[in-house]
Each structure stands twice: as C-alpha cells, then as structure tokens.
C-alpha cells in the first residue's frame, strides 16, 4: 500500500503509508475476548496489505490500557506490519520505566514499534498518586527525560556516583518516536524536539476551518523541524466507504452520532461516557462516508492528507471484529488503490 505522494512546491515526492487505528474495545467482562479480537484484527490487516496498525492507551475504561504489553504479542502473530501506539499519554508515565518498556517491546517486535506519545487524557491525577497539575507541562518534562533515556544518556547517578543509563535501550527507536498535537503551537513544540508529528481527528479549541488548521500545523511543524520537509506527519481520518445500502445507513448513523456527541459517540457496551465539555474545547473532523468514489474524492481534496506521510483510518470503537474487518477490506479494495494511483501519477 505504499504510494508516491504528490509533489509539493519546493519539496521532493513523498511516500504515503496507510494504516488503521483501533482502541481494542471490549464489552464489560470480556477483556480477554477484546484482546484476542485485537490480535486477529492486526493479522487480518497485515494480510490485506496495511503498512501499520495503531492502538490507543485508555485508562479506567473498556479499551486497551497497556499497549506495550499488547503489541509484542501481536508481533508473534505477524511478520511485517508496523506496530504503533497512538497515543500513550505521558502525563501518567514514569519516563525511565517507559524507556525500558518501549525498548523491550521494540526488541521483541523485531524493530517494528512506532511509538506515538502525547499529553493524554487527564482527570486521573490522584488515581496515579499525583497532585493536580498542568498536564501539558508535566508531559513535556517527562518526554524530555524519556528522550534522554532512549538515547542512552544518563538519567541519574548511582550510589557510587556512576551514571545510570537504560542498558537495554533500543537506540534506533528514537527514529520512530511520534508525538500528538492538536494545534499549530503544539506542532511547533513537537518539531523543536525533532520528533514525528501525529494529527488526530480532534483539534484543540473551536476551529472555523478544520482542514486549513491542520495544514497550518503541518507547515509550522516542517518549518521548525531539523529535517525540514522530510519530517514525517501522520493524519487520522474516519474513512467509511459504503459498499451496500446497509453499510451506507450504518455509516451515516455513526457520522450523525459523532457530530452530535463528539468523543462520547460509538462506545462498546459498558464503556464510560466522557464528561460533558463546554463548547469550543475541541473540534472534530467530519466522518468521510458515502459511495467509495465520493470518499476517495474527499480524501484527495483534503489538504492535510495531501501533505501527510501516513494516513490512518480510524475504526469506530463500537465496531466488533467482523465489522472492523469488513471496513478494512473495503478501504483496501475501494480506497487505497485510488489513492495510490493518484499519488503515483502526480510524482
């Protein structure tokens, strides 16, 4: 599924990597089944030609909470597909322990780990034995310690004054670390640390033009990144090509619920309803649904997708395994080839 992206002004042709994003959901009392279904979904996606699969970390809910435990298991059942975290919230991570865990997961997966980090969802400070704090500031501070640890730099000193380093650090993992951003300012912070940029389906604040804001974030990121235009960007989209009347109705209903309820939409049975948010806290991208041709046209017209290196199809969390597999199949058959042809023809 790797394709050549359009040539932007003053830049070399870009390659496009296609992936999917699952929260590895489960109904209450069925965590083991949800994990098994998650492994099966990765196996199916690899067979369907997807380049990468991404999982989210969600605490205290009916979703995957320990991606760095889950992904090495997926690695034992797959051979090629990239294994990504999108995202692990840094605000509740010990940075040295994370460096050890991420390195171990990367070694066990044969160097296939794509480590997506971010500030993450708040509200659990005291549950994690923290005083209420500025989650962004805490996350960035812990990120910087993590980056030192993963590079093999000293993160402290032992009893005899010797420098303490993560001995099993996967040194090239630093080349596969991403960080999530929800605004132009946060994209600039990611660039300043030399990491790859992850843009989700949500932007911070009330945004009048979602596409223009994401494209501005990408431009600011590449302008401030040491690698310039070669710095990698991933963009997530709800991609829902309808190949039947039933699917068209299902996807339209999902889109309507998502517009009305935002992140509270599409949850597995028993999942926690997010706390209501006042208007203007965030802006969600619309779901792209309809006949496959219209979905392809919308993606080709999307300015952020045009500038992205990775396009990630976000799977609705309420979808069971069979429904998610069918959606992945439809994207692979009806959307991916058109994107590949369009990108290649422009190069």
Protein backbone atom coordinates (compact mmCIF):
# COMPACT_ATOMS: atom_id res chain seq x y z
CA UNK A 1 0.00 0.00 0.00
CA UNK A 2 2.97 2.36 -0.09
CA UNK A 3 2.46 5.01 -2.75
CA UNK A 4 4.19 8.12 -4.03
CA UNK A 5 2.56 11.30 -2.75
CA UNK A 6 2.05 14.46 -4.77
CA UNK A 7 4.98 16.77 -5.21
CA UNK A 8 4.52 19.93 -3.17
CA UNK A 9 6.15 23.20 -4.14
CA UNK A 10 9.87 23.05 -3.45
CA UNK A 11 9.69 19.53 -1.99
CA UNK A 12 10.61 16.07 -3.23
CA UNK A 13 7.87 13.48 -3.87
CA UNK A 14 6.56 11.98 -0.61
CA UNK A 15 5.71 8.37 0.06
CA UNK A 16 2.37 7.55 1.65
CA UNK A 17 1.95 4.86 4.30
CA UNK A 18 -1.56 3.58 5.04
CA UNK A 19 -2.63 2.28 8.42
CA UNK A 20 -5.57 1.81 10.74
CA UNK A 21 -6.33 2.79 14.32
CA UNK A 22 -8.17 0.63 16.84
CA UNK A 23 -8.81 1.24 20.50
CA UNK A 24 -9.04 -2.55 21.04
CA UNK A 25 -12.50 -2.20 22.63
CA UNK A 26 -14.29 -4.80 24.72
CA UNK A 27 -17.66 -5.13 26.38
CA UNK A 28 -17.76 -5.27 30.17
CA UNK A 29 -16.42 -8.59 31.44
CA UNK A 30 -14.95 -9.56 28.05
CA UNK A 31 -11.46 -8.05 28.19
CA UNK A 32 -9.71 -11.25 27.06
CA UNK A 33 -12.01 -11.58 24.06
CA UNK A 34 -11.36 -7.95 23.12
CA UNK A 35 -7.60 -8.50 23.24
CA UNK A 36 -7.87 -11.67 21.14
CA UNK A 37 -10.00 -9.79 18.62
CA UNK A 38 -7.38 -7.05 18.54
CA UNK A 39 -4.66 -9.55 17.65
CA UNK A 40 -6.93 -11.06 14.97
CA UNK A 41 -7.57 -7.61 13.52
CA UNK A 42 -3.84 -6.95 13.13
CA UNK A 43 -3.36 -10.32 11.43
CA UNK A 44 -6.21 -9.55 9.04
CA UNK A 45 -4.85 -6.09 8.28
CA UNK A 46 -1.39 -7.44 7.53
CA UNK A 47 -2.88 -9.97 5.12
CA UNK A 48 -4.81 -7.12 3.50
CA UNK A 49 -1.64 -5.15 2.85
CA UNK A 50 -1.83 -2.46 5.52
CA UNK A 51 1.50 -0.93 6.44
CA UNK A 52 0.80 -0.13 10.09
CA UNK A 53 -1.71 -0.64 12.84
CA UNK A 54 -2.06 1.78 15.74
CA UNK A 55 -3.57 1.32 19.20
CA UNK A 56 -4.61 3.84 21.82
CA UNK A 57 -3.99 3.77 25.57
CA UNK A 58 -7.12 4.43 27.63
CA UNK A 59 -7.13 4.12 31.42
CA UNK A 60 -10.13 3.03 33.53
CA UNK A 61 -12.36 2.15 30.57
CA UNK A 62 -13.32 -0.66 28.18
CA UNK A 63 -10.31 -0.15 25.91
CA UNK A 64 -6.68 -1.21 25.77
CA UNK A 65 -4.71 0.16 28.72
CA UNK A 66 -1.31 -1.47 28.19
CA UNK A 67 -0.23 -1.16 24.52
CA UNK A 68 3.41 -2.04 25.20
CA UNK A 69 2.25 -5.38 26.61
CA UNK A 70 -0.22 -5.97 23.78
CA UNK A 71 1.94 -5.14 20.75
CA UNK A 72 4.77 -7.67 21.40
CA UNK A 73 2.04 -10.34 21.45
CA UNK A 74 0.76 -9.06 18.10
CA UNK A 75 4.34 -9.31 16.83
CA UNK A 76 4.33 -13.06 17.49
CA UNK A 77 1.35 -13.48 15.14
CA UNK A 78 2.51 -11.14 12.38
CA UNK A 79 5.70 -10.63 10.43
CA UNK A 80 5.64 -7.30 8.62
CA UNK A 81 3.05 -4.80 9.78
CA UNK A 82 4.24 -1.82 11.81
CA UNK A 83 3.04 -1.73 15.42
CA UNK A 84 2.12 1.74 16.61
CA UNK A 85 0.84 3.46 19.74
CA UNK A 86 -1.45 6.42 19.09
CA UNK A 87 -1.11 7.52 21.76
CA UNK A 88 0.46 6.75 25.13
CA UNK A 89 -0.28 9.64 27.49
CA UNK A 90 2.97 10.94 29.01
CA UNK A 91 1.28 12.73 31.92
CA UNK A 92 0.98 9.44 33.85
CA UNK A 93 4.15 7.70 32.64
CA UNK A 94 7.41 7.32 34.52
CA UNK A 95 9.79 8.28 31.69
CA UNK A 96 12.59 5.85 32.63
CA UNK A 97 10.22 2.90 33.05
CA UNK A 98 8.62 3.84 29.73
CA UNK A 99 12.04 3.83 28.02
CA UNK A 100 12.69 0.35 29.42
CA UNK A 101 9.25 -0.96 28.42
CA UNK A 102 9.31 0.60 24.95
CA UNK A 103 12.80 -0.74 24.28
CA UNK A 104 11.75 -4.22 25.38
CA UNK A 105 8.64 -4.08 23.17
CA UNK A 106 10.72 -2.90 20.22
CA UNK A 107 13.28 -5.68 20.65
CA UNK A 108 10.54 -8.31 20.92
CA UNK A 109 8.77 -6.99 17.81
CA UNK A 110 11.89 -7.00 15.67
CA UNK A 111 12.15 -3.22 15.48
CA UNK A 112 8.57 -2.73 14.27
CA UNK A 113 7.44 -0.41 17.05
CA UNK A 114 6.22 3.07 16.09
CA UNK A 115 5.98 4.89 19.41
CA UNK A 116 3.30 7.56 19.42
CA UNK A 117 3.20 9.66 22.58
CA UNK A 118 1.15 12.64 23.70
CA UNK A 119 -0.17 14.52 26.69
CA UNK A 120 -3.08 12.11 27.00
CA UNK A 121 -6.43 12.25 28.73
CA UNK A 122 -6.46 13.90 32.15
CA UNK A 123 -8.68 13.66 35.19
CA UNK A 124 -6.82 10.88 36.95
CA UNK A 125 -4.07 12.77 38.76
CA UNK A 126 -4.86 11.47 42.23
CA UNK A 127 -5.52 7.92 40.97
CA UNK A 128 -1.92 7.96 39.72
CA UNK A 129 -0.74 9.43 43.04
CA UNK A 130 -0.17 12.88 41.60
CA UNK A 131 -1.33 16.24 42.81
CA UNK A 132 -3.48 18.14 40.28
CA UNK A 133 -1.08 19.68 37.79
CA UNK A 134 -0.58 21.19 34.36
CA UNK A 135 -0.76 18.03 32.27
CA UNK A 136 0.98 19.60 29.28
CA UNK A 137 3.95 20.85 31.30
CA UNK A 138 4.31 17.54 33.14
CA UNK A 139 4.09 15.61 29.87
CA UNK A 140 6.76 17.67 28.12
CA UNK A 141 9.09 17.41 31.12
CA UNK A 142 8.66 13.62 31.21
CA UNK A 143 9.05 13.45 27.44
CA UNK A 144 12.44 15.13 27.64
CA UNK A 145 13.63 12.66 30.30
CA UNK A 146 12.32 9.78 28.19
CA UNK A 147 14.18 11.00 25.11
CA UNK A 148 17.42 11.19 27.08
CA UNK A 149 16.85 7.67 28.39
CA UNK A 150 16.06 6.20 24.98
CA UNK A 151 19.21 7.77 23.56
CA UNK A 152 21.26 6.02 26.21
CA UNK A 153 22.12 9.22 28.07
CA UNK A 154 22.42 9.31 31.85
CA UNK A 155 19.18 9.95 33.72
CA UNK A 156 20.70 9.95 37.20
CA UNK A 157 23.58 8.65 39.29
CA UNK A 158 24.00 5.53 41.39
CA UNK A 159 25.22 5.15 44.96
CA UNK A 160 28.86 5.38 43.86
CA UNK A 161 28.25 8.34 41.56
CA UNK A 162 28.22 6.25 38.40
CA UNK A 163 25.87 7.46 35.63
CA UNK A 164 22.64 5.48 35.31
CA UNK A 165 21.56 4.60 31.78
CA UNK A 166 18.92 2.28 30.31
CA UNK A 167 21.19 -0.61 29.37
CA UNK A 168 18.68 -2.33 27.10
CA UNK A 169 17.68 0.80 25.23
CA UNK A 170 16.66 0.28 21.62
CA UNK A 171 18.86 3.02 20.24
CA UNK A 172 17.21 3.38 16.84
CA UNK A 173 13.75 3.65 18.39
CA UNK A 174 14.40 7.38 18.67
CA UNK A 175 13.90 7.49 14.88
CA UNK A 176 10.38 6.10 15.35
CA UNK A 177 9.01 8.34 18.09
CA UNK A 178 5.92 10.43 17.30
CA UNK A 179 4.08 13.00 19.39
CA UNK A 180 0.46 14.06 19.12
CA UNK A 181 -0.54 17.68 18.52
CA UNK A 182 -3.90 19.41 18.48
CA UNK A 183 -2.87 22.90 17.43
CA UNK A 184 -0.26 24.85 15.48
CA UNK A 185 1.55 25.74 18.72
CA UNK A 186 1.77 22.11 19.83
CA UNK A 187 3.01 21.08 16.37
CA UNK A 188 5.82 23.61 16.77
CA UNK A 189 6.74 22.05 20.13
CA UNK A 190 6.93 18.61 18.51
CA UNK A 191 9.18 19.99 15.78
CA UNK A 192 11.50 21.54 18.35
CA UNK A 193 12.18 18.10 19.79
CA UNK A 194 12.88 16.55 16.39
CA UNK A 195 10.04 14.01 16.61
CA UNK A 196 7.45 12.91 14.06
CA UNK A 197 4.03 14.60 14.20
CA UNK A 198 0.70 12.86 14.83
CA UNK A 199 -2.52 14.71 13.99
CA UNK A 200 -5.70 13.02 15.19
CA UNK A 201 -9.35 13.57 14.32
CA UNK A 202 -9.58 16.22 17.08
CA UNK A 203 -8.15 19.74 17.23
CA UNK A 204 -7.88 21.90 20.34
CA UNK A 205 -10.38 24.76 20.58
CA UNK A 206 -13.12 26.00 18.28
CA UNK A 207 -11.67 25.86 14.76
CA UNK A 208 -13.54 27.52 11.90
CA UNK A 209 -11.69 25.67 9.11
CA UNK A 210 -10.51 22.24 10.25
CA UNK A 211 -8.59 21.41 7.05
CA UNK A 212 -6.79 24.75 6.95
CA UNK A 213 -5.82 24.48 10.62
CA UNK A 214 -4.30 21.05 10.17
CA UNK A 215 -2.43 22.13 7.08
CA UNK A 216 -1.09 25.14 9.00
CA UNK A 217 0.06 22.81 11.79
CA UNK A 218 1.91 20.65 9.27
CA UNK A 219 3.56 23.69 7.69
CA UNK A 220 4.67 25.03 11.07
CA UNK A 221 5.97 21.61 12.06
CA UNK A 222 8.08 21.14 8.94
CA UNK A 223 9.36 24.70 9.08
CA UNK A 224 10.60 24.24 12.65
CA UNK A 225 11.86 20.67 12.35
CA UNK A 226 15.59 19.97 11.92
CA UNK A 227 14.74 17.68 8.99
CA UNK A 228 12.51 20.22 7.33
CA UNK A 229 10.26 18.82 4.63
CA UNK A 230 11.48 15.26 5.25
CA UNK A 231 9.99 15.18 8.77
CA UNK A 232 7.11 12.71 8.90
CA UNK A 233 3.46 13.55 9.57
CA UNK A 234 0.53 11.23 10.21
CA UNK A 235 -3.10 12.26 9.76
CA UNK A 236 -6.09 10.27 11.06
CA UNK A 237 -9.45 10.26 9.33
CA UNK A 238 -12.76 8.40 9.74
CA UNK A 239 -12.80 6.68 6.33
CA UNK A 240 -16.08 4.83 5.71
CA UNK A 241 -16.68 3.71 2.11
CA UNK A 242 -20.19 2.25 1.86
CA UNK A 243 -20.39 -0.81 -0.39
CA UNK A 244 -24.04 -1.61 0.36
CA UNK A 245 -27.24 0.18 1.35
CA UNK A 246 -26.91 -1.33 4.82
CA UNK A 247 -23.36 -0.02 5.18
CA UNK A 248 -24.41 3.42 3.94
CA UNK A 249 -27.08 3.66 6.61
CA UNK A 250 -24.75 2.39 9.31
CA UNK A 251 -22.02 4.89 8.48
CA UNK A 252 -24.44 7.80 8.14
CA UNK A 253 -25.83 7.00 11.59
CA UNK A 254 -22.32 6.86 13.02
CA UNK A 255 -21.48 10.22 11.50
CA UNK A 256 -24.67 11.78 12.86
CA UNK A 257 -23.96 10.45 16.36
CA UNK A 258 -20.37 11.65 16.18
CA UNK A 259 -21.43 15.15 15.16
CA UNK A 260 -23.97 15.27 17.96
CA UNK A 261 -21.99 13.64 20.77
CA UNK A 262 -18.32 14.07 19.83
CA UNK A 263 -15.97 11.72 21.72
CA UNK A 264 -18.97 10.26 23.59
CA UNK A 265 -20.17 8.63 20.36
CA UNK A 266 -19.56 4.99 19.40
CA UNK A 267 -18.64 3.18 22.60
CA UNK A 268 -18.62 -0.55 23.38
CA UNK A 269 -21.18 -1.78 25.89
CA UNK A 270 -20.21 -0.70 29.38
CA UNK A 271 -17.68 1.95 28.33
CA UNK A 272 -17.50 5.14 30.37
CA UNK A 273 -19.26 8.19 28.97
CA UNK A 274 -16.84 11.15 28.78
CA UNK A 275 -17.65 14.13 30.94
CA UNK A 276 -19.57 16.84 29.05
CA UNK A 277 -17.33 19.54 27.63
CA UNK A 278 -18.30 23.19 27.17
CA UNK A 279 -18.50 24.47 23.60
CA UNK A 280 -15.23 25.41 21.97
CA UNK A 281 -12.98 22.98 23.85
CA UNK A 282 -12.28 20.89 20.75
CA UNK A 283 -13.21 20.47 17.07
CA UNK A 284 -13.68 17.04 15.49
CA UNK A 285 -13.13 16.21 11.85
CA UNK A 286 -16.20 15.00 9.96
CA UNK A 287 -16.50 11.33 9.10
CA UNK A 288 -15.88 10.69 5.40
CA UNK A 289 -18.65 8.33 4.31
CA UNK A 290 -20.69 7.54 1.24
CA UNK A 291 -20.02 5.71 -2.01
CA UNK A 292 -16.34 4.75 -2.41
CA UNK A 293 -15.83 7.23 -5.23
CA UNK A 294 -17.02 10.15 -3.11
CA UNK A 295 -14.83 9.02 -0.20
CA UNK A 296 -11.80 8.94 -2.50
CA UNK A 297 -12.65 12.38 -3.89
CA UNK A 298 -12.93 13.81 -0.37
CA UNK A 299 -9.56 12.37 0.64
CA UNK A 300 -7.85 13.64 -2.49
CA UNK A 301 -9.27 17.11 -1.82
CA UNK A 302 -8.16 17.08 1.83
CA UNK A 303 -5.13 19.44 2.13
CA UNK A 304 -3.77 17.73 5.27
CA UNK A 305 -4.00 14.29 3.68
CA UNK A 306 -2.17 15.67 0.65
CA UNK A 307 0.72 16.74 2.88
CA UNK A 308 0.77 13.63 5.10
CA UNK A 309 3.22 10.76 5.05
CA UNK A 310 0.91 8.42 7.00
CA UNK A 311 -2.87 8.27 6.58
CA UNK A 312 -4.56 6.36 9.38
CA UNK A 313 -8.13 5.05 9.12
CA UNK A 314 -9.84 5.44 12.49
CA UNK A 315 -12.13 2.47 13.22
CA UNK A 316 -15.32 3.29 15.17
CA UNK A 317 -14.80 1.96 18.72
CA UNK A 318 -18.20 0.28 18.88
CA UNK A 319 -17.45 -1.90 15.85
CA UNK A 320 -16.98 -5.58 16.60
CA UNK A 321 -14.26 -7.65 14.91
CA UNK A 322 -16.26 -8.71 11.86
CA UNK A 323 -17.45 -5.17 11.17
CA UNK A 324 -13.94 -3.75 11.54
CA UNK A 325 -12.50 -6.40 9.23
CA UNK A 326 -15.10 -5.62 6.61
CA UNK A 327 -14.34 -1.92 6.82
CA UNK A 328 -10.60 -2.58 6.44
CA UNK A 329 -11.32 -4.78 3.42
CA UNK A 330 -13.47 -2.10 1.78
CA UNK A 331 -10.83 0.58 2.35
CA UNK A 332 -8.12 -1.70 0.94
CA UNK A 333 -10.20 -2.60 -2.12
CA UNK A 334 -12.01 0.61 -2.97
CA UNK A 335 -9.99 3.49 -1.50
CA UNK A 336 -6.33 2.56 -1.21
CA UNK A 337 -5.77 1.76 -4.91
CA UNK A 338 -7.22 5.10 -5.99
CA UNK A 339 -5.04 6.98 -3.52
CA UNK A 340 -2.02 5.04 -4.72
CA UNK A 341 -2.72 5.75 -8.37
CA UNK A 342 -3.38 9.44 -7.73
CA UNK A 343 -0.22 9.86 -5.70
CA UNK A 344 1.90 7.98 -8.19
CA UNK A 345 0.50 9.85 -11.17
CA UNK A 346 1.42 13.18 -9.58
CA UNK A 347 5.02 12.27 -8.86
